[in-house]
């Protein structure tokens, strides 16, 4: 019984520990894709800077407050290559000190690869990874930290590709920009003046 009590206490301490560095997070947490809670501080080119907010158990939390350090976790949207407009969107949509959830998928040096979720009501949540792609504000990328042959990898990758496809079909965000660029190129190539100039250049080259 005493051993069981010690194990329960150790597990509780682990769950209530405030992680201030990606390296502090146990490997088993990442392996089990644990979902953590945090408070947003900054949106940067690399992702989100988040203050981890652990589960609060009064008597344990009181003991830990004396020695817990401060620090921010670097959280990246897994499977997403952010466009500049995507970073601007995040800075505009997310509020300072906003509470978010981040599900651990992998760790690369000091950066956590995560699915990031925000509450949109009592029972609703929004996955930022999918929303960025759905709005055409980024492209799908390799999900770092997950094995390519794992069911979870392909399940998440499929979700992200479906979100990107919606933006592509509706010409949203970066896909609209590419579509406009193609139209401009087509107009230029079909322009009579350009065609005439091309013919002149070809004739001059032949004459030389």
N, C-alpha and C. Protein backbone atom coordinates (compact mmCIF):
# COMPACT_ATOMS: atom_id res chain seq x y z
N UNK A 1 0.84 -1.20 0.00
CA UNK A 1 0.00 0.00 0.00
C UNK A 1 0.87 1.25 0.00
N UNK A 2 1.95 1.21 0.79
CA UNK A 2 2.83 2.38 0.87
C UNK A 2 3.48 2.65 -0.48
N UNK A 3 3.90 1.56 -1.17
CA UNK A 3 4.52 1.70 -2.48
C UNK A 3 3.53 2.28 -3.48
N UNK A 4 2.29 1.78 -3.43
CA UNK A 4 1.26 2.28 -4.34
C UNK A 4 1.00 3.76 -4.10
N UNK A 5 1.03 4.16 -2.84
CA UNK A 5 0.81 5.57 -2.51
C UNK A 5 1.92 6.45 -3.05
N UNK A 6 3.14 5.94 -2.97
CA UNK A 6 4.29 6.69 -3.48
C UNK A 6 4.18 6.85 -5.00
N UNK A 7 3.77 5.78 -5.69
CA UNK A 7 3.63 5.82 -7.14
C UNK A 7 2.56 6.81 -7.57
N UNK A 8 1.44 6.82 -6.84
CA UNK A 8 0.36 7.76 -7.14
C UNK A 8 0.84 9.19 -6.95
N UNK A 9 1.58 9.43 -5.86
CA UNK A 9 2.10 10.77 -5.59
C UNK A 9 3.09 11.20 -6.67
N UNK A 10 3.95 10.26 -7.09
CA UNK A 10 4.94 10.57 -8.13
C UNK A 10 4.25 10.91 -9.44
N UNK A 11 3.19 10.15 -9.77
CA UNK A 11 2.45 10.42 -11.00
C UNK A 11 1.76 11.78 -10.92
N UNK A 12 1.22 12.10 -9.77
CA UNK A 12 0.55 13.39 -9.58
C UNK A 12 1.54 14.54 -9.72
N UNK A 13 2.74 14.36 -9.15
CA UNK A 13 3.77 15.40 -9.25
C UNK A 13 4.16 15.64 -10.70
N UNK A 14 4.21 14.54 -11.46
CA UNK A 14 4.60 14.65 -12.87
C UNK A 14 3.56 15.42 -13.67
N UNK A 15 2.28 15.13 -13.38
CA UNK A 15 1.19 15.78 -14.09
C UNK A 15 1.07 17.25 -13.72
N UNK A 16 1.50 17.58 -12.51
CA UNK A 16 1.36 18.97 -12.06
C UNK A 16 2.66 19.76 -12.23
N UNK A 17 3.68 19.12 -12.80
CA UNK A 17 4.95 19.82 -13.02
C UNK A 17 4.79 20.84 -14.14
N UNK A 18 5.34 22.01 -13.93
CA UNK A 18 5.31 23.03 -14.97
C UNK A 18 6.55 22.90 -15.84
N UNK A 19 6.33 22.55 -17.11
CA UNK A 19 7.45 22.38 -18.03
C UNK A 19 7.84 23.74 -18.62
N UNK A 20 9.10 24.07 -18.50
CA UNK A 20 9.59 25.36 -19.00
C UNK A 20 10.55 25.20 -20.18
N UNK A 21 10.79 23.96 -20.57
CA UNK A 21 11.64 23.66 -21.72
C UNK A 21 11.15 22.38 -22.36
N UNK A 22 11.28 22.29 -23.67
CA UNK A 22 10.86 21.08 -24.37
C UNK A 22 11.61 19.86 -23.87
N UNK A 23 12.85 20.06 -23.44
CA UNK A 23 13.66 18.94 -22.96
C UNK A 23 13.20 18.40 -21.61
N UNK A 24 12.39 19.19 -20.89
CA UNK A 24 11.89 18.75 -19.59
C UNK A 24 10.74 17.76 -19.71
N UNK A 25 10.10 17.74 -20.86
CA UNK A 25 8.92 16.90 -21.04
C UNK A 25 9.35 15.44 -21.20
N UNK A 26 8.81 14.53 -20.40
CA UNK A 26 9.20 13.12 -20.49
C UNK A 26 8.93 12.54 -21.87
N UNK A 27 9.80 11.65 -22.30
CA UNK A 27 9.65 11.01 -23.61
C UNK A 27 8.34 10.25 -23.72
N UNK A 28 7.89 9.68 -22.59
CA UNK A 28 6.64 8.91 -22.62
C UNK A 28 5.44 9.82 -22.90
N UNK A 29 5.50 11.08 -22.48
CA UNK A 29 4.43 12.03 -22.77
C UNK A 29 4.30 12.23 -24.27
N UNK A 30 5.45 12.35 -24.93
CA UNK A 30 5.45 12.57 -26.38
C UNK A 30 5.04 11.28 -27.10
N UNK A 31 5.55 10.15 -26.60
CA UNK A 31 5.20 8.86 -27.20
C UNK A 31 3.71 8.55 -27.11
N UNK A 32 3.07 9.02 -26.04
CA UNK A 32 1.63 8.78 -25.85
C UNK A 32 0.79 9.93 -26.37
N UNK A 33 1.45 10.94 -26.98
CA UNK A 33 0.74 12.10 -27.56
C UNK A 33 -0.16 12.77 -26.55
N UNK A 34 0.42 13.03 -25.38
CA UNK A 34 -0.33 13.68 -24.30
C UNK A 34 -0.72 15.09 -24.70
N UNK A 35 -1.89 15.52 -24.26
CA UNK A 35 -2.38 16.87 -24.54
C UNK A 35 -2.14 17.74 -23.31
N UNK A 36 -1.45 18.87 -23.52
CA UNK A 36 -1.13 19.80 -22.43
C UNK A 36 -1.86 21.12 -22.63
N UNK A 37 -1.99 21.84 -21.53
CA UNK A 37 -2.66 23.14 -21.57
C UNK A 37 -1.64 24.25 -21.40
N UNK A 38 -1.87 25.39 -22.05
CA UNK A 38 -0.92 26.47 -21.91
C UNK A 38 -1.54 27.83 -22.19
N UNK A 39 -0.75 28.85 -21.88
CA UNK A 39 -1.18 30.24 -22.09
C UNK A 39 -0.28 30.86 -23.15
N UNK A 40 -0.90 31.35 -24.21
CA UNK A 40 -0.14 31.94 -25.32
C UNK A 40 0.52 33.24 -24.90
N UNK A 41 1.80 33.41 -25.30
CA UNK A 41 2.51 34.66 -25.04
C UNK A 41 2.86 35.39 -26.33
N UNK A 42 3.42 34.66 -27.32
CA UNK A 42 3.84 35.31 -28.55
C UNK A 42 3.62 34.40 -29.75
N UNK A 43 3.39 35.03 -30.91
CA UNK A 43 3.38 34.33 -32.19
C UNK A 43 4.63 34.78 -32.94
N UNK A 44 5.48 33.82 -33.31
CA UNK A 44 6.72 34.14 -33.99
C UNK A 44 6.80 33.39 -35.32
N UNK A 45 7.86 33.63 -36.08
CA UNK A 45 8.06 32.94 -37.35
C UNK A 45 8.19 31.43 -37.16
N UNK A 46 8.67 31.03 -35.99
CA UNK A 46 8.87 29.61 -35.71
C UNK A 46 7.62 28.93 -35.17
N UNK A 47 6.67 29.71 -34.69
CA UNK A 47 5.46 29.13 -34.13
C UNK A 47 4.93 29.93 -32.96
N UNK A 48 4.52 29.23 -31.91
CA UNK A 48 3.92 29.87 -30.75
C UNK A 48 4.82 29.72 -29.52
N UNK A 49 4.91 30.77 -28.73
CA UNK A 49 5.60 30.70 -27.45
C UNK A 49 4.54 30.60 -26.37
N UNK A 50 4.57 29.48 -25.65
CA UNK A 50 3.48 29.13 -24.75
C UNK A 50 3.99 28.86 -23.34
N UNK A 51 3.27 29.38 -22.37
CA UNK A 51 3.55 29.08 -20.97
C UNK A 51 2.71 27.88 -20.56
N UNK A 52 3.36 26.81 -20.17
CA UNK A 52 2.64 25.60 -19.77
C UNK A 52 1.88 25.84 -18.47
N UNK A 53 0.61 25.48 -18.46
CA UNK A 53 -0.23 25.58 -17.26
C UNK A 53 -0.60 24.17 -16.84
N UNK A 54 0.06 23.60 -15.86
CA UNK A 54 -0.19 22.21 -15.47
C UNK A 54 -1.52 22.05 -14.73
N UNK A 55 -1.91 20.79 -14.56
CA UNK A 55 -3.09 20.49 -13.77
C UNK A 55 -2.87 20.99 -12.35
N UNK A 56 -3.89 21.58 -11.78
CA UNK A 56 -3.75 22.16 -10.45
C UNK A 56 -4.37 21.25 -9.39
N UNK A 57 -3.52 20.75 -8.50
CA UNK A 57 -3.97 19.99 -7.33
C UNK A 57 -3.49 20.77 -6.11
N UNK A 58 -4.40 21.39 -5.38
CA UNK A 58 -4.05 22.39 -4.35
C UNK A 58 -2.83 22.11 -3.49
N UNK A 59 -2.79 20.98 -2.79
CA UNK A 59 -1.71 20.78 -1.83
C UNK A 59 -0.37 20.54 -2.52
N UNK A 60 -0.40 19.92 -3.73
CA UNK A 60 0.84 19.69 -4.48
C UNK A 60 1.31 20.98 -5.12
N UNK A 61 0.36 21.73 -5.71
CA UNK A 61 0.70 22.99 -6.35
C UNK A 61 1.32 23.97 -5.37
N UNK A 62 0.81 23.98 -4.14
CA UNK A 62 1.34 24.87 -3.12
C UNK A 62 2.79 24.56 -2.82
N UNK A 63 3.14 23.28 -2.79
CA UNK A 63 4.51 22.87 -2.52
C UNK A 63 5.43 23.23 -3.69
N UNK A 64 4.90 23.12 -4.92
CA UNK A 64 5.73 23.32 -6.10
C UNK A 64 5.99 24.78 -6.43
N UNK A 65 5.11 25.67 -6.01
CA UNK A 65 5.24 27.08 -6.35
C UNK A 65 6.58 27.68 -5.90
N UNK A 66 7.15 27.11 -4.85
CA UNK A 66 8.38 27.66 -4.29
C UNK A 66 9.59 27.39 -5.18
N UNK A 67 9.54 26.27 -5.96
CA UNK A 67 10.73 25.93 -6.73
C UNK A 67 10.52 25.83 -8.24
N UNK A 68 9.27 26.01 -8.70
CA UNK A 68 9.05 25.94 -10.14
C UNK A 68 9.62 27.18 -10.83
N UNK A 69 10.38 26.98 -11.89
CA UNK A 69 10.97 28.09 -12.63
C UNK A 69 10.01 28.58 -13.71
N UNK A 70 10.38 29.66 -14.34
CA UNK A 70 9.55 30.21 -15.41
C UNK A 70 10.24 30.02 -16.74
N UNK A 71 9.47 29.91 -17.78
CA UNK A 71 10.03 29.73 -19.12
C UNK A 71 8.91 29.44 -20.08
N UNK A 72 9.17 29.65 -21.37
CA UNK A 72 8.15 29.44 -22.39
C UNK A 72 8.54 28.28 -23.29
N UNK A 73 7.55 27.52 -23.70
CA UNK A 73 7.75 26.41 -24.62
C UNK A 73 7.57 26.90 -26.05
N UNK A 74 8.41 26.43 -26.94
CA UNK A 74 8.28 26.76 -28.36
C UNK A 74 7.46 25.66 -29.02
N UNK A 75 6.26 26.04 -29.49
CA UNK A 75 5.31 25.09 -30.07
C UNK A 75 5.12 25.38 -31.55
N UNK A 76 5.34 24.36 -32.39
CA UNK A 76 5.18 24.53 -33.82
C UNK A 76 3.94 23.77 -34.29
N UNK A 77 3.22 24.33 -35.27
CA UNK A 77 2.05 23.66 -35.82
C UNK A 77 2.52 22.50 -36.69
N UNK A 78 2.35 21.30 -36.22
CA UNK A 78 2.85 20.12 -36.91
C UNK A 78 2.18 19.94 -38.26
N UNK A 79 2.97 19.58 -39.26
CA UNK A 79 2.43 19.30 -40.58
C UNK A 79 2.04 20.51 -41.39
N UNK A 80 2.47 21.70 -40.95
CA UNK A 80 2.09 22.94 -41.63
C UNK A 80 3.32 23.80 -41.91
N UNK A 81 3.43 24.24 -43.16
CA UNK A 81 4.44 25.22 -43.53
C UNK A 81 3.72 26.57 -43.65
N UNK A 82 3.92 27.40 -42.64
CA UNK A 82 3.19 28.67 -42.56
C UNK A 82 3.63 29.65 -43.65
N UNK A 83 2.66 30.28 -44.30
CA UNK A 83 2.96 31.39 -45.20
C UNK A 83 3.00 32.66 -44.34
N UNK A 84 3.64 33.75 -44.80
CA UNK A 84 3.65 35.00 -44.03
C UNK A 84 2.24 35.45 -43.65
N UNK A 85 1.29 35.22 -44.54
CA UNK A 85 -0.09 35.60 -44.24
C UNK A 85 -0.66 34.73 -43.13
N UNK A 86 -0.14 33.50 -43.00
CA UNK A 86 -0.58 32.61 -41.92
C UNK A 86 -0.14 33.11 -40.57
N UNK A 87 1.10 33.60 -40.49
CA UNK A 87 1.60 34.15 -39.23
C UNK A 87 0.81 35.40 -38.86
N UNK A 88 0.52 36.24 -39.86
CA UNK A 88 -0.26 37.46 -39.61
C UNK A 88 -1.66 37.10 -39.12
N UNK A 89 -2.25 36.05 -39.69
CA UNK A 89 -3.57 35.60 -39.27
C UNK A 89 -3.57 35.13 -37.81
N UNK A 90 -2.55 34.38 -37.44
CA UNK A 90 -2.44 33.90 -36.06
C UNK A 90 -2.29 35.08 -35.09
N UNK A 91 -1.46 36.05 -35.47
CA UNK A 91 -1.26 37.22 -34.62
C UNK A 91 -2.54 38.02 -34.46
N UNK A 92 -3.37 37.98 -35.49
CA UNK A 92 -4.62 38.74 -35.45
C UNK A 92 -5.72 37.97 -34.70
N UNK A 93 -5.79 36.68 -34.89
CA UNK A 93 -6.88 35.87 -34.33
C UNK A 93 -6.66 35.46 -32.88
N UNK A 94 -5.41 35.22 -32.51
CA UNK A 94 -5.12 34.76 -31.15
C UNK A 94 -4.88 35.95 -30.23
N UNK A 95 -5.43 35.86 -29.05
CA UNK A 95 -5.32 36.94 -28.08
C UNK A 95 -4.19 36.67 -27.09
N UNK A 96 -3.51 37.71 -26.62
CA UNK A 96 -2.47 37.53 -25.60
C UNK A 96 -3.06 36.85 -24.36
N UNK A 97 -2.32 35.92 -23.81
CA UNK A 97 -2.71 35.18 -22.62
C UNK A 97 -3.87 34.21 -22.88
N UNK A 98 -4.19 33.97 -24.16
CA UNK A 98 -5.27 33.05 -24.48
C UNK A 98 -4.87 31.62 -24.13
N UNK A 99 -5.82 30.88 -23.58
CA UNK A 99 -5.56 29.49 -23.21
C UNK A 99 -5.69 28.62 -24.45
N UNK A 100 -4.73 27.72 -24.63
CA UNK A 100 -4.76 26.79 -25.76
C UNK A 100 -4.42 25.39 -25.25
N UNK A 101 -4.69 24.41 -26.07
CA UNK A 101 -4.28 23.04 -25.80
C UNK A 101 -3.32 22.62 -26.91
N UNK A 102 -2.28 21.91 -26.55
CA UNK A 102 -1.35 21.43 -27.57
C UNK A 102 -1.04 19.96 -27.33
N UNK A 103 -1.34 19.16 -28.37
CA UNK A 103 -1.13 17.72 -28.29
C UNK A 103 0.26 17.38 -28.83
N UNK A 104 1.04 16.74 -28.02
CA UNK A 104 2.43 16.43 -28.36
C UNK A 104 2.52 15.34 -29.42
N UNK A 105 3.22 15.65 -30.52
CA UNK A 105 3.44 14.67 -31.57
C UNK A 105 4.93 14.34 -31.73
N UNK A 106 5.78 15.31 -31.46
CA UNK A 106 7.21 15.09 -31.61
C UNK A 106 7.99 16.22 -30.98
N UNK A 107 9.30 16.05 -30.96
CA UNK A 107 10.19 17.06 -30.39
C UNK A 107 11.45 17.11 -31.24
N UNK A 108 11.80 18.31 -31.66
CA UNK A 108 13.01 18.51 -32.46
C UNK A 108 13.84 19.59 -31.77
N UNK A 109 14.92 19.16 -31.13
CA UNK A 109 15.74 20.06 -30.33
C UNK A 109 14.87 20.71 -29.24
N UNK A 110 14.68 22.03 -29.31
CA UNK A 110 13.90 22.73 -28.29
C UNK A 110 12.50 23.10 -28.77
N UNK A 111 12.08 22.49 -29.87
CA UNK A 111 10.77 22.81 -30.44
C UNK A 111 9.85 21.60 -30.35
N UNK A 112 8.61 21.86 -29.95
CA UNK A 112 7.60 20.80 -29.86
C UNK A 112 6.71 20.83 -31.09
N UNK A 113 6.55 19.68 -31.72
CA UNK A 113 5.65 19.55 -32.87
C UNK A 113 4.29 19.13 -32.32
N UNK A 114 3.26 19.96 -32.56
CA UNK A 114 1.98 19.72 -31.90
C UNK A 114 0.78 20.01 -32.79
N UNK A 115 -0.34 19.39 -32.42
CA UNK A 115 -1.64 19.84 -32.89
C UNK A 115 -2.09 20.88 -31.87
N UNK A 116 -2.47 22.05 -32.33
CA UNK A 116 -2.85 23.13 -31.42
C UNK A 116 -4.34 23.39 -31.54
N UNK A 117 -5.01 23.40 -30.39
CA UNK A 117 -6.47 23.58 -30.38
C UNK A 117 -6.87 24.75 -29.49
N UNK A 118 -7.90 25.47 -29.91
CA UNK A 118 -8.46 26.54 -29.09
C UNK A 118 -9.95 26.28 -28.92
N UNK A 119 -10.48 26.67 -27.79
CA UNK A 119 -11.91 26.49 -27.53
C UNK A 119 -12.73 27.51 -28.30
N UNK A 120 -13.81 27.03 -28.92
CA UNK A 120 -14.72 27.91 -29.66
C UNK A 120 -16.13 27.81 -29.11
N UNK A 121 -16.22 27.56 -27.84
CA UNK A 121 -17.51 27.36 -27.20
C UNK A 121 -17.38 26.29 -26.15
N UNK A 122 -18.46 25.99 -25.50
CA UNK A 122 -18.40 25.03 -24.39
C UNK A 122 -17.97 23.64 -24.83
N UNK A 123 -18.45 23.21 -25.99
CA UNK A 123 -18.15 21.86 -26.43
C UNK A 123 -17.42 21.82 -27.77
N UNK A 124 -17.01 22.96 -28.27
CA UNK A 124 -16.37 23.01 -29.57
C UNK A 124 -14.92 23.46 -29.46
N UNK A 125 -14.08 22.90 -30.29
CA UNK A 125 -12.68 23.33 -30.36
C UNK A 125 -12.27 23.41 -31.82
N UNK A 126 -11.28 24.25 -32.08
CA UNK A 126 -10.78 24.46 -33.44
C UNK A 126 -9.32 24.07 -33.50
N UNK A 127 -8.97 23.21 -34.46
CA UNK A 127 -7.58 22.81 -34.66
C UNK A 127 -6.92 23.84 -35.57
N UNK A 128 -5.95 24.57 -35.04
CA UNK A 128 -5.30 25.63 -35.81
C UNK A 128 -4.53 25.08 -37.00
N UNK A 129 -3.97 23.89 -36.87
CA UNK A 129 -3.22 23.27 -37.98
C UNK A 129 -4.13 23.14 -39.20
N UNK A 130 -5.34 22.62 -38.99
CA UNK A 130 -6.28 22.44 -40.09
C UNK A 130 -6.83 23.77 -40.57
N UNK A 131 -7.12 24.67 -39.66
CA UNK A 131 -7.73 25.95 -40.03
C UNK A 131 -6.79 26.78 -40.90
N UNK A 132 -5.50 26.77 -40.57
CA UNK A 132 -4.52 27.50 -41.39
C UNK A 132 -4.55 26.99 -42.83
N UNK A 133 -4.59 25.68 -43.00
CA UNK A 133 -4.61 25.09 -44.34
C UNK A 133 -5.96 25.33 -45.01
N UNK A 134 -7.04 25.29 -44.24
CA UNK A 134 -8.38 25.49 -44.78
C UNK A 134 -8.55 26.92 -45.31
N UNK A 135 -7.84 27.86 -44.69
CA UNK A 135 -7.90 29.26 -45.12
C UNK A 135 -6.88 29.58 -46.22
N UNK A 136 -6.07 28.58 -46.59
CA UNK A 136 -5.07 28.81 -47.62
C UNK A 136 -3.91 29.67 -47.13
N UNK A 137 -3.57 29.54 -45.86
CA UNK A 137 -2.53 30.37 -45.27
C UNK A 137 -1.24 29.59 -45.02
N UNK A 138 -1.14 28.44 -45.66
CA UNK A 138 0.05 27.61 -45.52
C UNK A 138 -0.10 26.36 -46.38
N UNK A 139 0.94 25.52 -46.35
CA UNK A 139 0.93 24.28 -47.11
C UNK A 139 1.17 23.10 -46.17
N UNK A 140 0.71 21.93 -46.60
CA UNK A 140 0.99 20.74 -45.79
C UNK A 140 2.48 20.41 -45.86
N UNK A 141 2.98 19.89 -44.77
CA UNK A 141 4.39 19.53 -44.69
C UNK A 141 4.51 18.22 -43.92
N UNK A 142 5.68 17.70 -43.89
CA UNK A 142 5.94 16.47 -43.15
C UNK A 142 5.66 16.68 -41.67
N UNK A 143 5.01 15.70 -41.04
CA UNK A 143 4.73 15.78 -39.61
C UNK A 143 5.95 15.21 -38.88
N UNK A 144 6.78 16.10 -38.37
CA UNK A 144 8.00 15.67 -37.70
C UNK A 144 7.68 14.97 -36.38
N UNK A 145 8.45 13.94 -36.09
CA UNK A 145 8.29 13.26 -34.81
C UNK A 145 7.44 12.02 -34.87
N UNK A 146 6.65 11.85 -35.93
CA UNK A 146 5.81 10.66 -36.07
C UNK A 146 6.40 9.76 -37.16
N UNK A 147 6.35 8.46 -36.92
CA UNK A 147 6.82 7.51 -37.93
C UNK A 147 5.86 7.50 -39.11
N UNK A 148 6.43 7.49 -40.32
CA UNK A 148 5.60 7.55 -41.52
C UNK A 148 4.72 6.32 -41.68
N UNK A 149 5.10 5.22 -41.06
CA UNK A 149 4.30 4.00 -41.21
C UNK A 149 3.29 3.83 -40.09
N UNK A 150 3.16 4.83 -39.23
CA UNK A 150 2.21 4.71 -38.12
C UNK A 150 0.81 5.13 -38.56
N UNK A 151 -0.23 4.49 -38.04
CA UNK A 151 -1.61 4.85 -38.39
C UNK A 151 -1.93 6.31 -38.05
N UNK A 152 -1.37 6.80 -36.93
CA UNK A 152 -1.64 8.17 -36.52
C UNK A 152 -1.10 9.17 -37.53
N UNK A 153 0.09 8.88 -38.07
CA UNK A 153 0.68 9.80 -39.06
C UNK A 153 -0.25 9.96 -40.25
N UNK A 154 -0.70 8.85 -40.81
CA UNK A 154 -1.52 8.93 -42.01
C UNK A 154 -2.91 9.46 -41.72
N UNK A 155 -3.41 9.22 -40.53
CA UNK A 155 -4.71 9.77 -40.14
C UNK A 155 -4.65 11.30 -40.08
N UNK A 156 -3.60 11.83 -39.44
CA UNK A 156 -3.44 13.28 -39.33
C UNK A 156 -3.09 13.91 -40.67
N UNK A 157 -2.21 13.23 -41.42
CA UNK A 157 -1.79 13.76 -42.73
C UNK A 157 -2.99 13.86 -43.67
N UNK A 158 -3.88 12.88 -43.61
CA UNK A 158 -5.08 12.90 -44.44
C UNK A 158 -5.96 14.09 -44.07
N UNK A 159 -6.13 14.33 -42.77
CA UNK A 159 -6.93 15.47 -42.32
C UNK A 159 -6.36 16.79 -42.83
N UNK A 160 -5.04 16.92 -42.76
CA UNK A 160 -4.39 18.15 -43.20
C UNK A 160 -4.51 18.34 -44.71
N UNK A 161 -4.35 17.25 -45.46
CA UNK A 161 -4.47 17.33 -46.91
C UNK A 161 -5.89 17.70 -47.33
N UNK A 162 -6.88 17.17 -46.62
CA UNK A 162 -8.27 17.49 -46.93
C UNK A 162 -8.55 18.98 -46.67
N UNK A 163 -7.96 19.51 -45.59
CA UNK A 163 -8.13 20.93 -45.29
C UNK A 163 -7.48 21.78 -46.36
N UNK A 164 -6.29 21.39 -46.82
CA UNK A 164 -5.59 22.13 -47.87
C UNK A 164 -6.37 22.07 -49.18
N UNK A 165 -6.97 20.92 -49.47
CA UNK A 165 -7.72 20.75 -50.71
C UNK A 165 -8.92 21.69 -50.77
N UNK A 166 -9.55 21.93 -49.62
CA UNK A 166 -10.69 22.85 -49.57
C UNK A 166 -10.26 24.25 -49.98
N UNK A 167 -9.10 24.69 -49.49
CA UNK A 167 -8.60 26.02 -49.85
C UNK A 167 -8.25 26.08 -51.33
N UNK A 168 -7.67 24.99 -51.83
CA UNK A 168 -7.26 24.93 -53.24
C UNK A 168 -8.47 25.02 -54.16
N UNK A 169 -9.55 24.30 -53.81
CA UNK A 169 -10.76 24.31 -54.63
C UNK A 169 -11.42 25.68 -54.64
N UNK A 170 -11.32 26.39 -53.51
CA UNK A 170 -11.97 27.70 -53.40
C UNK A 170 -11.03 28.86 -53.74
N UNK A 171 -9.81 28.55 -54.17
CA UNK A 171 -8.82 29.59 -54.49
C UNK A 171 -8.64 30.58 -53.35
N UNK A 172 -8.42 30.05 -52.16
CA UNK A 172 -8.28 30.91 -50.99
C UNK A 172 -6.81 31.11 -50.64
N UNK A 173 -6.50 32.28 -50.09
CA UNK A 173 -5.15 32.54 -49.59
C UNK A 173 -4.07 32.44 -50.66
N UNK A 174 -3.06 31.64 -50.39
CA UNK A 174 -1.93 31.52 -51.31
C UNK A 174 -2.36 30.90 -52.64
N UNK A 175 -3.43 30.11 -52.64
CA UNK A 175 -3.89 29.49 -53.88
C UNK A 175 -4.56 30.51 -54.78
N UNK A 176 -5.17 31.51 -54.18
CA UNK A 176 -5.75 32.61 -54.97
C UNK A 176 -4.63 33.42 -55.62
N UNK A 177 -3.57 33.67 -54.86
CA UNK A 177 -2.43 34.43 -55.38
C UNK A 177 -1.80 33.69 -56.56
N UNK A 178 -1.64 32.36 -56.42
CA UNK A 178 -1.04 31.58 -57.51
C UNK A 178 -1.95 31.57 -58.74
N UNK A 179 -3.26 31.49 -58.48
CA UNK A 179 -4.21 31.49 -59.58
C UNK A 179 -4.16 32.80 -60.35
N UNK A 180 -4.08 33.91 -59.61
CA UNK A 180 -3.98 35.23 -60.25
C UNK A 180 -2.68 35.37 -61.04
N UNK A 181 -1.59 34.84 -60.48
CA UNK A 181 -0.30 34.90 -61.17
C UNK A 181 -0.34 34.13 -62.49
N UNK A 182 -1.01 32.97 -62.47
CA UNK A 182 -1.13 32.17 -63.69
C UNK A 182 -1.95 32.92 -64.74
N UNK A 183 -3.03 33.59 -64.28
CA UNK A 183 -3.86 34.35 -65.22
C UNK A 183 -3.07 35.49 -65.85
N UNK A 184 -2.27 36.15 -65.03
CA UNK A 184 -1.46 37.27 -65.54
C UNK A 184 -0.45 36.77 -66.56
N UNK A 185 0.18 35.61 -66.23
CA UNK A 185 1.16 35.05 -67.16
C UNK A 185 0.49 34.67 -68.48
N UNK A 186 -0.73 34.10 -68.38
CA UNK A 186 -1.46 33.71 -69.59
C UNK A 186 -1.81 34.94 -70.44
N UNK A 187 -2.24 36.01 -69.76
CA UNK A 187 -2.60 37.23 -70.48
C UNK A 187 -1.40 37.84 -71.19
N UNK A 188 -0.26 37.81 -70.49
CA UNK A 188 0.96 38.37 -71.09
C UNK A 188 1.38 37.56 -72.29
N UNK A 189 1.34 36.23 -72.15
CA UNK A 189 1.79 35.38 -73.25
C UNK A 189 0.86 35.47 -74.45
N UNK A 190 -0.42 35.78 -74.19
CA UNK A 190 -1.40 35.87 -75.28
C UNK A 190 -1.53 37.29 -75.83
N UNK A 191 -0.85 38.23 -75.23
CA UNK A 191 -0.94 39.61 -75.67
C UNK A 191 -0.36 39.76 -77.09
N UNK A 192 -1.12 40.42 -77.99
CA UNK A 192 -0.70 40.55 -79.40
C UNK A 192 0.62 41.30 -79.53
N UNK A 193 0.78 42.34 -78.71
CA UNK A 193 2.01 43.11 -78.78
C UNK A 193 3.21 42.25 -78.43
N UNK A 194 3.04 41.43 -77.39
CA UNK A 194 4.12 40.54 -76.97
C UNK A 194 4.42 39.54 -78.08
N UNK A 195 3.36 39.00 -78.68
CA UNK A 195 3.55 38.04 -79.77
C UNK A 195 4.32 38.69 -80.93
N UNK A 196 3.97 39.94 -81.26
CA UNK A 196 4.65 40.66 -82.33
C UNK A 196 6.12 40.87 -82.02
N UNK A 197 6.40 41.25 -80.75
CA UNK A 197 7.78 41.47 -80.33
C UNK A 197 8.58 40.17 -80.42
N UNK A 198 7.93 39.07 -80.05
CA UNK A 198 8.61 37.77 -80.13
C UNK A 198 8.98 37.45 -81.58
N UNK A 199 8.03 37.75 -82.49
CA UNK A 199 8.29 37.48 -83.91
C UNK A 199 9.44 38.33 -84.44
N UNK A 200 9.49 39.59 -84.01
CA UNK A 200 10.57 40.49 -84.43
C UNK A 200 11.92 39.98 -83.94
N UNK A 201 11.95 39.56 -82.63
CA UNK A 201 13.19 39.04 -82.05
C UNK A 201 13.63 37.80 -82.81
N UNK A 202 12.68 36.92 -83.14
CA UNK A 202 13.00 35.69 -83.89
C UNK A 202 13.55 36.05 -85.28
N UNK A 203 12.94 37.03 -85.94
CA UNK A 203 13.38 37.45 -87.27
C UNK A 203 14.78 38.05 -87.24
N UNK A 204 15.04 38.89 -86.17
CA UNK A 204 16.35 39.50 -86.05
C UNK A 204 17.43 38.44 -85.83
N UNK A 205 17.11 37.46 -84.99
CA UNK A 205 18.09 36.39 -84.75
C UNK A 205 18.38 35.64 -86.04
N UNK A 206 17.31 35.41 -86.87
CA UNK A 206 17.51 34.70 -88.12
C UNK A 206 18.34 35.50 -89.10
N UNK A 207 18.14 36.82 -89.06
CA UNK A 207 18.89 37.68 -89.99
C UNK A 207 20.35 37.71 -89.64
N UNK A 208 20.64 37.72 -88.32
CA UNK A 208 22.03 37.73 -87.88
C UNK A 208 22.69 36.41 -88.27
